[in-house]
Structures are given as C-alpha cells and as structure tokens.
Protein backbone atom coordinates (compact mmCIF):
# COMPACT_ATOMS: atom_id res chain seq x y z
CA MET A 1 -22.86 2.15 -0.26
CA GLY A 2 -19.69 2.86 -1.86
CA GLY A 3 -20.49 6.22 -2.76
CA LEU A 4 -21.47 6.92 0.86
CA ALA A 5 -18.37 5.62 2.10
CA VAL A 6 -16.43 7.84 -0.27
CA LEU A 7 -18.29 10.89 0.76
CA GLU A 8 -17.79 10.01 4.63
CA GLN A 9 -14.26 9.60 4.20
CA ILE A 10 -13.80 13.15 2.26
CA GLN A 11 -15.75 14.41 5.37
CA GLN A 12 -13.30 12.72 7.79
CA ASP A 13 -10.36 14.18 5.62
CA SER A 14 -11.73 17.60 5.40
CA GLN A 15 -12.11 17.78 9.20
CA LEU A 16 -8.30 17.04 9.54
CA LEU A 17 -7.51 20.04 7.62
CA LYS A 18 -8.71 22.19 10.42
CA ASP A 19 -5.74 21.30 12.55
CA GLN A 20 -3.04 20.44 10.17
CA ALA A 21 -1.80 21.11 6.49
CA ILE A 22 -2.57 17.65 4.66
CA ALA A 23 -3.03 17.13 0.93
CA VAL A 24 -6.22 15.58 -0.01
CA GLY A 25 -7.45 14.13 -3.44
CA PRO A 26 -4.92 13.83 -6.20
CA PHE A 27 -2.42 15.84 -4.25
CA ALA A 28 -2.04 13.08 -1.80
CA ARG A 29 -0.66 10.89 -4.43
CA LEU A 30 1.99 13.57 -5.65
CA ASP A 31 5.45 12.04 -5.42
CA ALA A 32 8.39 14.15 -4.82
CA GLY A 33 10.76 11.97 -6.84
CA THR A 34 8.76 11.74 -9.79
CA VAL A 35 8.59 15.72 -9.87
CA ALA A 36 12.34 15.94 -9.01
CA ALA A 37 13.22 13.81 -12.01
CA GLU A 38 11.30 16.22 -14.43
CA ASP A 39 14.16 18.85 -13.57
CA GLY A 40 16.92 16.25 -13.53
CA LYS A 41 17.20 16.01 -9.82
CA THR A 42 16.28 13.44 -6.99
CA ARG A 43 13.78 13.46 -4.40
CA GLY A 44 16.17 15.04 -1.98
CA ALA A 45 15.95 18.31 -3.82
CA ILE A 46 12.40 18.44 -2.95
CA THR A 47 12.70 17.01 0.66
CA ASN A 48 15.42 19.15 1.58
CA LEU A 49 13.58 22.22 0.75
CA PHE A 50 10.16 21.20 2.27
CA GLY A 51 11.36 18.69 4.67
CA SER A 52 9.15 15.88 3.80
CA GLN A 53 6.98 14.49 0.77
CA THR A 54 3.74 15.24 2.77
CA ALA A 55 4.72 18.66 3.64
CA PHE A 56 5.56 19.00 -0.29
CA GLN A 57 2.05 17.69 -1.11
CA ALA A 58 0.52 20.14 1.09
CA ALA A 59 2.20 23.17 -0.30
CA ALA A 60 1.33 22.10 -4.07
CA MET A 61 -2.32 21.98 -2.98
CA ALA A 62 -2.09 25.40 -1.39
CA ALA A 63 -0.54 26.69 -4.60
CA ALA A 64 -2.95 25.21 -6.60
CA LEU A 65 -6.10 26.53 -4.49
CA ASP A 66 -4.67 30.00 -4.39
CA ALA A 67 -4.40 31.23 -7.90
CA SER A 68 -3.87 35.12 -6.72
CA ASP A 69 -0.73 35.33 -8.95
CA ARG A 70 -2.31 34.17 -12.08
CA PHE A 71 -5.48 36.04 -11.53
CA GLU A 72 -3.59 39.42 -11.06
CA ARG A 73 -2.77 38.95 -14.98
CA LEU A 74 -6.37 38.53 -15.83
CA LYS A 75 -7.43 41.26 -18.06
CA PHE A 76 -10.84 41.72 -19.85
CA PRO A 77 -11.36 43.76 -23.24
CA ALA A 78 -11.74 47.21 -22.93
CA PRO A 79 -15.24 48.54 -24.07
CA LYS A 80 -13.62 51.57 -25.72
CA ASP A 81 -12.00 49.23 -28.19
CA PHE A 82 -15.32 48.33 -29.82
CA ASP A 83 -17.97 49.79 -31.94
CA ASN A 84 -20.91 48.22 -30.09
CA ALA A 85 -21.67 46.50 -26.72
CA GLU A 86 -22.36 42.91 -28.20
CA SER A 87 -18.96 42.79 -30.15
CA TRP A 88 -17.33 43.74 -26.74
CA LEU A 89 -19.16 41.00 -25.01
CA ASP A 90 -18.43 38.66 -27.55
CA ALA A 91 -14.82 39.12 -27.39
CA LEU A 92 -14.89 38.99 -23.47
CA LEU A 93 -16.68 35.63 -23.79
CA ALA A 94 -14.59 34.15 -26.30
CA GLY A 95 -11.61 35.25 -24.11
CA GLU A 96 -13.18 33.45 -21.23
CA SER A 97 -13.80 30.20 -22.95
CA ALA A 98 -10.04 30.48 -24.31
CA ARG A 99 -8.83 30.84 -20.64
CA GLY A 100 -10.64 27.65 -19.51
CA PRO A 101 -9.81 23.82 -19.72
CA ALA A 102 -9.50 22.46 -23.19
CA HIS A 103 -10.55 18.59 -23.67
CA GLY A 104 -7.76 16.27 -24.53
CA ALA A 105 -4.99 19.03 -24.41
CA LYS A 106 -1.43 18.37 -22.81
CA PRO A 107 -1.34 19.20 -19.22
CA ALA A 108 0.04 22.76 -18.42
CA VAL A 109 0.14 24.93 -15.38
CA ASN A 110 -2.16 27.52 -16.78
CA ASP A 111 -5.90 28.98 -15.71
CA GLY A 112 -7.89 26.39 -17.45
CA PHE A 113 -6.07 23.22 -16.02
CA VAL A 114 -5.33 24.66 -12.68
CA TRP A 115 -9.28 25.28 -12.47
CA ALA A 116 -9.81 21.61 -13.44
CA LEU A 117 -7.56 20.55 -10.66
CA TRP A 118 -9.23 22.80 -8.16
CA LEU A 119 -12.35 20.84 -8.96
CA SER A 120 -10.79 17.79 -7.48
CA ALA A 121 -10.84 19.55 -4.00
CA VAL A 122 -14.22 21.13 -4.37
CA PRO A 123 -15.87 18.18 -2.49
CA TYR A 124 -13.59 18.93 0.61
CA GLY A 125 -14.71 22.32 0.55
CA ILE A 126 -18.07 21.39 1.76
CA TRP A 127 -16.52 20.65 5.10
CA SER A 128 -13.38 22.58 5.13
CA GLU A 129 -12.93 26.27 5.22
CA GLN A 130 -9.22 25.74 4.50
CA ILE A 131 -10.46 24.56 1.02
CA ALA A 132 -13.40 26.92 0.65
CA LYS A 133 -11.91 30.32 1.71
CA PRO A 134 -9.27 30.78 -0.93
CA SER A 135 -11.63 29.58 -3.54
CA MET A 136 -14.28 32.12 -2.70
CA ALA A 137 -12.01 34.80 -2.36
CA GLU A 138 -10.87 34.30 -5.92
CA TYR A 139 -14.40 34.06 -6.80
CA LEU A 140 -15.18 37.54 -5.27
CA LYS A 141 -12.19 39.05 -7.09
CA THR A 142 -13.30 37.66 -10.25
CA VAL A 143 -16.87 39.09 -9.85
CA ASP A 144 -15.47 42.51 -8.80
CA ARG A 145 -13.25 42.77 -11.80
CA LEU A 146 -16.28 41.80 -14.21
CA GLU A 147 -18.49 44.45 -12.57
CA HIS A 148 -15.95 47.09 -13.03
CA VAL A 149 -15.78 46.38 -16.81
CA ILE A 150 -19.46 46.12 -17.08
CA ARG A 151 -19.96 49.48 -15.54
CA GLU A 152 -17.44 50.88 -18.27
CA ALA A 153 -19.28 48.97 -20.99
CA LEU A 154 -22.69 50.58 -19.64
CA ASP A 155 -21.21 54.14 -19.48
CA HIS A 156 -19.34 53.69 -22.90
CA PHE A 157 -22.19 52.43 -24.90
CA GLY A 158 -25.13 54.51 -23.26
CA LEU A 159 -26.82 51.63 -21.56
CA ALA A 160 -28.38 50.84 -18.17
CA MET A 161 -29.49 47.88 -16.15
CA ARG A 162 -33.24 46.84 -16.19
CA GLU A 163 -35.04 48.11 -13.14
CA GLY A 164 -34.80 45.49 -10.29
CA ASP A 165 -31.52 44.16 -11.80
CA SER A 166 -28.11 45.21 -10.79
CA VAL A 167 -24.39 44.95 -12.21
CA SER A 168 -23.55 42.68 -9.38
CA ASP A 169 -26.26 40.36 -10.44
CA LEU A 170 -25.19 40.30 -13.97
CA ALA A 171 -21.41 39.87 -13.00
CA CYS A 172 -22.39 36.83 -10.81
CA ALA A 173 -24.46 35.30 -13.68
CA ILE A 174 -21.74 35.66 -16.16
CA SER A 175 -19.27 34.17 -13.86
CA GLY A 176 -21.53 31.25 -13.19
CA LEU A 177 -22.09 30.53 -16.93
CA THR A 178 -18.37 30.72 -17.35
CA GLU A 179 -17.60 28.27 -14.99
CA GLY A 180 -20.62 26.08 -16.11
CA VAL A 181 -19.42 26.08 -19.91
CA TRP A 182 -15.75 25.32 -18.48
CA LEU A 183 -17.06 21.92 -17.02
CA ASN A 184 -18.34 21.07 -20.63
CA GLN A 185 -15.06 22.35 -22.03
CA CYS A 186 -13.51 19.47 -19.86
CA LEU A 187 -15.34 16.76 -21.55
CA SER A 188 -15.80 18.13 -25.13
CA LYS A 189 -14.31 20.35 -27.75
CA ARG A 190 -17.65 20.56 -29.46
CA HIS A 191 -21.05 22.01 -28.67
CA PRO A 192 -22.95 19.21 -26.95
CA LEU A 193 -26.02 19.93 -29.20
CA ASP A 194 -24.35 21.30 -32.20
CA LYS A 195 -21.36 19.46 -33.47
CA SER A 196 -20.80 22.10 -36.09
CA GLU A 197 -20.00 24.72 -33.29
CA PRO A 198 -16.89 24.86 -30.85
CA VAL A 199 -18.08 24.22 -27.21
CA GLY A 200 -17.17 27.95 -26.49
CA ALA A 201 -20.42 28.97 -28.38
CA LEU A 202 -22.20 27.88 -25.25
CA LEU A 203 -20.72 30.68 -23.42
CA ARG A 204 -20.92 33.41 -26.21
CA ARG A 205 -24.65 32.42 -26.85
CA GLY A 206 -25.51 31.99 -23.27
CA GLY A 207 -23.84 35.14 -22.33
CA ARG A 208 -25.55 37.38 -25.12
CA MET A 209 -29.03 36.07 -23.75
CA LEU A 210 -28.00 37.15 -20.26
CA TRP A 211 -26.81 40.59 -21.41
CA ARG A 212 -29.91 41.27 -23.56
CA GLY A 213 -32.34 40.25 -20.76
CA ALA A 214 -30.49 42.54 -18.19
CA VAL A 215 -29.59 45.60 -20.24
CA VAL A 216 -31.61 48.38 -21.85
CA PRO A 217 -30.83 51.65 -23.66
CA ARG A 218 -30.19 54.19 -20.92
CA LYS A 219 -33.21 56.18 -21.99
CA ALA A 220 -35.43 53.42 -21.64
CA ALA A 221 -34.37 52.83 -18.04
CA ARG A 222 -35.56 56.30 -17.17
C-alpha cells in the first residue's frame, strides 16, 4: 500500500509539471542557503538571482536533466588508431565504463554522477514529457554518435553487418548495455559474479558478444 501511494504521488507531481516548473525528487530538497554557503555566500545570493528557492530548485533540475553541454565533449576512440576492430571496441567500452558512475566515489558534477542523479527523476518521466523529452533527446544524440563511429569502424576494418541487422540496432544495443552496466557501477566496484574483475568487465565482455554476433567480414556478407 505504501509503494502504491508513492507511485500515485509521483503521478500527481508529474501532472503538475505540465503547467509549471516544479522540482521533484531530491531536487525538491535542495536548499539555497546550503548551496550558497559552499561559495562563502548567503541564501540571498541565490534567491536574488533566481527569485526564490523554488525557482532555483527547478533550474537546478532542468540543468541536470539537460546534459547537452557535457554531451558535446563526448568523444569515442577513432578506429584508425587501432590495429583491429576488437581492440578499438574494447577501448570504446572501457571509456564508457570510466565515464559512468563509480560506487562509493566522492560526489562530483560529471557524466556518471549526473546520470545517477537523472535516475531519481526517471519515474516522473513515465507521466511527464517535461522529464522524458530531454532524456530521450540525449539518448538519440548518443545513439547517432555511436552509429557514426561504428560505420567508421566497419569501413576501416573491412567489416559489415550481418544480413537482417543494422548499425542502428547495434548502436542501440551498445547504448542499452552501457546504461545497464552503469546501474551495476552505482552499486559495486567489482564484477557481480567474478570479484577478481572490475565491474567494467561486464561492459567489455558483453559488448564483444554483441559485436561478434552482429558483424562479419565484408566478403562474408555478400
């Protein structure tokens, strides 16, 4: 009954987002005085700028949900810098693991922690386009960039997609796997089933299996 009541409250709050900018989840507990004190200032420094603590909370949430500035700095390894496709793919996946959240690390405004903060708003996205829209827009940008670098890799290494599969499918699968492993990275530094390996091994191994199942030498595809 308690769980249902929480979901109903999230639904109600989500519906309010259609008409006005309100902060939800942890953003609604954000205290302007505490934030200002981090810079040696008082609450007035923030309320003078935003008009109120409520407006500040909503602006902080909007900034966290829209990661376009960080996305513009995202770069994948260039296939031309590697001797074979799997070493390039391993570097790409290792980089994505490092970009994600790290269990127990000190809070910082970076890709991994902002992504984890975004998770707190995901339930509201079930009922609110205000939450869902920027998140899906960023997802599409990520997949588009993955598609581009995968096509470069296929051309550079003389490979092709298996019949019936597409570069878009592979890019979506890698993106989905990445965020799935990031969930594990929120909770553990080690591989859940093999403590001798870092949790990032999940992404590298899973990504290799996706790649091997989807890609063939170009001659074999003809």
